[in-house]
Each structure stands twice: as structure tokens, then as C-alpha cells.
Amino acid sequence: MSAAEGPLVVGVDSSTQSTKVLVVDAATGRVVASGQAAHTVSGGAGRE
């Protein structure tokens, strides 16, 4: 992975089933990194 040319922008989308993250170099628009993790609901159907 090469160094970013400009500041990095992080976008986070958190929903009831997963969280997704995207890191973009603001100078070039290049996606630097991304990730996703599923959520599991524990007792109470998430209403604790």
C-alpha cells in the first residue's frame, strides 16, 4: 500500500445487521481500505 497523497476521509455505515467502513484518499478519490463486520443480536432482540 502506498502513502496517501492527501487527507483521508472515513465513511462508516452502521445498521442493524452489519457495520461497513470505507477509507478514501481525498486528493485522488482512491479507496485506501474497506471493511465489513456482521452483528449478532443477543437476548432481547437488541432492545436492552
C-alpha atoms as a PDB file:
ATOM      1  CA  MET A   1       0.000   0.000   0.000  1.00  0.00           C
ATOM      2  CA  SER A   2       1.415   3.385  -0.966  1.00  0.00           C
ATOM      3  CA  ALA A   3       1.179   6.546   1.110  1.00  0.00           C
ATOM      4  CA  ALA A   4      -1.923   8.685   0.703  1.00  0.00           C
ATOM      5  CA  GLU A   5      -1.482  11.864  -1.342  1.00  0.00           C
ATOM      6  CA  GLY A   6      -3.959  13.904   0.676  1.00  0.00           C
ATOM      7  CA  PRO A   7      -6.098  13.733   3.773  1.00  0.00           C
ATOM      8  CA  LEU A   8      -8.093  10.581   4.340  1.00  0.00           C
ATOM      9  CA  VAL A   9     -11.871  10.518   4.647  1.00  0.00           C
ATOM     10  CA  VAL A  10     -13.571   7.703   6.570  1.00  0.00           C
ATOM     11  CA  GLY A  11     -17.185   6.746   5.930  1.00  0.00           C
ATOM     12  CA  VAL A  12     -18.996   4.491   8.391  1.00  0.00           C
ATOM     13  CA  ASP A  13     -22.375   2.822   7.813  1.00  0.00           C
ATOM     14  CA  SER A  14     -23.750   1.074  10.880  1.00  0.00           C
ATOM     15  CA  SER A  15     -27.034  -0.785  10.506  1.00  0.00           C
ATOM     16  CA  THR A  16     -28.879  -3.448  12.460  1.00  0.00           C
ATOM     17  CA  GLN A  17     -27.076  -6.294  10.676  1.00  0.00           C
ATOM     18  CA  SER A  18     -23.557  -5.015   9.961  1.00  0.00           C
ATOM     19  CA  THR A  19     -21.105  -2.127  10.018  1.00  0.00           C
ATOM     20  CA  LYS A  20     -19.205  -1.105   6.878  1.00  0.00           C
ATOM     21  CA  VAL A  21     -16.226   1.257   6.645  1.00  0.00           C
ATOM     22  CA  LEU A  22     -14.561   2.872   3.636  1.00  0.00           C
ATOM     23  CA  VAL A  23     -11.340   4.938   3.739  1.00  0.00           C
ATOM     24  CA  VAL A  24     -10.763   7.221   0.740  1.00  0.00           C
ATOM     25  CA  ASP A  25      -7.817   9.452  -0.205  1.00  0.00           C
ATOM     26  CA  ALA A  26      -9.499  12.858  -0.565  1.00  0.00           C
ATOM     27  CA  ALA A  27      -6.921  14.093  -3.094  1.00  0.00           C
ATOM     28  CA  THR A  28      -7.268  11.225  -5.567  1.00  0.00           C
ATOM     29  CA  GLY A  29     -10.578   9.571  -4.730  1.00  0.00           C
ATOM     30  CA  ARG A  30      -8.735   6.259  -4.392  1.00  0.00           C
ATOM     31  CA  VAL A  31     -10.171   3.733  -1.941  1.00  0.00           C
ATOM     32  CA  VAL A  32      -7.387   3.062   0.563  1.00  0.00           C
ATOM     33  CA  ALA A  33      -9.171   0.464   2.710  1.00  0.00           C
ATOM     34  CA  SER A  34     -12.569  -1.032   3.382  1.00  0.00           C
ATOM     35  CA  GLY A  35     -14.088  -3.440   5.827  1.00  0.00           C
ATOM     36  CA  GLN A  36     -17.311  -5.013   6.992  1.00  0.00           C
ATOM     37  CA  ALA A  37     -18.368  -6.857  10.141  1.00  0.00           C
ATOM     38  CA  ALA A  38     -21.664  -8.590  10.777  1.00  0.00           C
ATOM     39  CA  HIS A  39     -23.572  -8.001  14.010  1.00  0.00           C
ATOM     40  CA  THR A  40     -25.281 -10.664  16.029  1.00  0.00           C
ATOM     41  CA  VAL A  41     -28.294  -9.883  18.170  1.00  0.00           C
ATOM     42  CA  SER A  42     -28.111 -11.144  21.725  1.00  0.00           C
ATOM     43  CA  GLY A  43     -31.104 -11.680  24.042  1.00  0.00           C
ATOM     44  CA  GLY A  44     -33.986  -9.210  23.931  1.00  0.00           C
ATOM     45  CA  ALA A  45     -33.770  -8.863  20.140  1.00  0.00           C
ATOM     46  CA  GLY A  46     -31.389  -5.917  20.579  1.00  0.00           C
ATOM     47  CA  ARG A  47     -33.745  -3.939  22.808  1.00  0.00           C
ATOM     48  CA  GLU A  48     -31.666  -3.948  26.014  1.00  0.00           C
END
